[in-house]
C-alpha atoms as a PDB file:
ATOM      1  CA  MET A   1     100.654 119.485  96.777  1.00  0.00           C
ATOM      2  CA  THR A   2     100.747 123.096  97.782  1.00  0.00           C
ATOM      3  CA  ILE A   3     103.820 124.822  99.158  1.00  0.00           C
ATOM      4  CA  LEU A   4     103.536 127.982 101.208  1.00  0.00           C
ATOM      5  CA  SER A   5     106.622 130.173 101.365  1.00  0.00           C
ATOM      6  CA  VAL A   6     107.474 133.163 103.534  1.00  0.00           C
ATOM      7  CA  SER A   7     110.819 134.920 103.878  1.00  0.00           C
ATOM      8  CA  ASN A   8     112.656 134.463 107.153  1.00  0.00           C
ATOM      9  CA  GLU A   9     115.535 136.431 108.613  1.00  0.00           C
ATOM     10  CA  LEU A  10     117.927 133.499 108.409  1.00  0.00           C
ATOM     11  CA  ARG A  11     120.319 132.572 105.632  1.00  0.00           C
ATOM     12  CA  HIS A  12     118.870 129.090 105.271  1.00  0.00           C
ATOM     13  CA  PRO A  13     115.438 127.657 104.505  1.00  0.00           C
ATOM     14  CA  ARG A  14     113.286 125.776 107.005  1.00  0.00           C
ATOM     15  CA  LEU A  15     110.750 123.089 106.142  1.00  0.00           C
ATOM     16  CA  GLY A  16     107.426 122.056 107.630  1.00  0.00           C
ATOM     17  CA  THR A  17     105.072 119.365 106.367  1.00  0.00           C
ATOM     18  CA  ALA A  18     101.366 118.709 106.769  1.00  0.00           C
ATOM     19  CA  VAL A  19     100.574 115.139 105.721  1.00  0.00           C
ATOM     20  CA  SER A  20      97.219 114.096 107.145  1.00  0.00           C
ATOM     21  CA  ILE A  21      95.671 110.640 107.422  1.00  0.00           C
ATOM     22  CA  LYS A  22      92.885 111.828 105.154  1.00  0.00           C
ATOM     23  CA  ALA A  23      95.344 112.915 102.466  1.00  0.00           C
ATOM     24  CA  ALA A  24      97.853 110.065 102.566  1.00  0.00           C
ATOM     25  CA  GLY A  25      96.322 107.161 104.447  1.00  0.00           C
ATOM     26  CA  ASN A  26      98.188 104.946 106.877  1.00  0.00           C
ATOM     27  CA  ALA A  27     101.470 105.705 108.640  1.00  0.00           C
ATOM     28  CA  VAL A  28     103.557 103.843 106.070  1.00  0.00           C
ATOM     29  CA  GLN A  29     102.244 106.031 103.246  1.00  0.00           C
ATOM     30  CA  ARG A  30     102.485 109.258 105.281  1.00  0.00           C
ATOM     31  CA  ASN A  31     106.091 108.490 106.197  1.00  0.00           C
ATOM     32  CA  ARG A  32     106.952 107.685 102.560  1.00  0.00           C
ATOM     33  CA  ILE A  33     105.571 111.056 101.472  1.00  0.00           C
ATOM     34  CA  LYS A  34     107.411 112.916 104.255  1.00  0.00           C
ATOM     35  CA  ARG A  35     110.710 111.159 103.411  1.00  0.00           C
ATOM     36  CA  LEU A  36     110.350 112.170  99.773  1.00  0.00           C
ATOM     37  CA  ILE A  37     109.578 115.776 100.730  1.00  0.00           C
ATOM     38  CA  ARG A  38     112.572 115.990 103.093  1.00  0.00           C
ATOM     39  CA  GLU A  39     114.959 114.422 100.559  1.00  0.00           C
ATOM     40  CA  SER A  40     113.800 116.725  97.761  1.00  0.00           C
ATOM     41  CA  PHE A  41     114.099 119.733 100.091  1.00  0.00           C
ATOM     42  CA  ARG A  42     117.639 118.678 101.076  1.00  0.00           C
ATOM     43  CA  LEU A  43     118.676 118.517  97.426  1.00  0.00           C
ATOM     44  CA  HIS A  44     117.165 121.931  96.588  1.00  0.00           C
ATOM     45  CA  GLN A  45     117.767 123.962  99.751  1.00  0.00           C
ATOM     46  CA  ASP A  46     120.663 125.911  98.211  1.00  0.00           C
ATOM     47  CA  LEU A  47     118.179 127.434  95.735  1.00  0.00           C
ATOM     48  CA  LEU A  48     115.680 128.479  98.393  1.00  0.00           C
ATOM     49  CA  GLY A  49     117.680 130.974 100.464  1.00  0.00           C
ATOM     50  CA  GLY A  50     116.084 132.322 103.635  1.00  0.00           C
ATOM     51  CA  SER A  51     112.546 130.975 103.419  1.00  0.00           C
ATOM     52  CA  ASP A  52     110.132 129.197 105.710  1.00  0.00           C
ATOM     53  CA  LEU A  53     108.302 126.578 103.660  1.00  0.00           C
ATOM     54  CA  VAL A  54     105.304 124.411 104.475  1.00  0.00           C
ATOM     55  CA  VAL A  55     104.319 121.557 102.172  1.00  0.00           C
ATOM     56  CA  LEU A  56     100.603 120.736 102.297  1.00  0.00           C
ATOM     57  CA  VAL A  57      99.623 117.383 100.843  1.00  0.00           C
ATOM     58  CA  ARG A  58      96.249 116.874  99.182  1.00  0.00           C
ATOM     59  CA  PRO A  59      94.191 113.658  99.013  1.00  0.00           C
ATOM     60  CA  GLY A  60      95.229 111.299  96.232  1.00  0.00           C
ATOM     61  CA  ILE A  61      98.973 111.733  96.692  1.00  0.00           C
ATOM     62  CA  CYS A  62      99.384 108.012  97.470  1.00  0.00           C
ATOM     63  CA  SER A  63      98.381 107.073  93.939  1.00  0.00           C
ATOM     64  CA  ARG A  64     101.473 108.921  92.643  1.00  0.00           C
ATOM     65  CA  SER A  65     104.807 107.207  92.166  1.00  0.00           C
ATOM     66  CA  ASN A  66     107.903 108.420  93.995  1.00  0.00           C
ATOM     67  CA  GLN A  67     109.218 109.847  90.724  1.00  0.00           C
ATOM     68  CA  GLN A  68     105.991 111.797  90.101  1.00  0.00           C
ATOM     69  CA  ILE A  69     106.109 113.265  93.614  1.00  0.00           C
ATOM     70  CA  LEU A  70     109.791 114.215  93.298  1.00  0.00           C
ATOM     71  CA  SER A  71     109.173 115.764  89.884  1.00  0.00           C
ATOM     72  CA  GLY A  72     106.289 117.847  91.252  1.00  0.00           C
ATOM     73  CA  LEU A  73     108.402 119.006  94.194  1.00  0.00           C
ATOM     74  CA  ASP A  74     111.263 119.916  91.848  1.00  0.00           C
ATOM     75  CA  THR A  75     108.901 122.138  89.877  1.00  0.00           C
ATOM     76  CA  HIS A  76     107.640 123.808  93.076  1.00  0.00           C
ATOM     77  CA  TRP A  77     111.167 124.430  94.437  1.00  0.00           C
ATOM     78  CA  ARG A  78     112.310 126.007  91.166  1.00  0.00           C
ATOM     79  CA  THR A  79     109.225 128.237  91.007  1.00  0.00           C
ATOM     80  CA  ILE A  80     109.725 129.352  94.612  1.00  0.00           C
ATOM     81  CA  ALA A  81     113.413 130.062  93.956  1.00  0.00           C
ATOM     82  CA  ALA A  82     112.523 132.152  90.885  1.00  0.00           C
ATOM     83  CA  HIS A  83     109.913 134.126  92.859  1.00  0.00           C
ATOM     84  CA  ALA A  84     112.329 134.629  95.750  1.00  0.00           C
ATOM     85  CA  HIS A  85     114.660 136.502  93.424  1.00  0.00           C
ATOM     86  CA  THR A  86     111.815 138.726  92.177  1.00  0.00           C
ATOM     87  CA  GLY A  87     110.445 139.511  95.647  1.00  0.00           C
ATOM     88  CA  SER A  88     107.167 137.509  95.701  1.00  0.00           C
ATOM     89  CA  ASP A  89     106.494 135.617  98.960  1.00  0.00           C
ATOM     90  CA  THR A  90     103.912 132.935  98.225  1.00  0.00           C
ATOM     91  CA  HIS A  91     103.501 130.135  95.734  1.00  0.00           C
END
């Protein structure tokens, strides 16, 4: 996964996802990935401040367990939050 982050002028973060058929396969798998991304975002949005975030999913994500995906997202959110406090815009 790759997460792109840009500051916005709002006090809350916004989320976008890009989960292609090529990356995640059928609709069931794509929806599973998107649900995990949204749930992880919901749990971490207080850390993210005013940011616009786009999660890009790479091929092979379907072979990962839900816990592996959530763990990877947790790492990304914490890195983005740390960079937001130092002034960097992309991760």
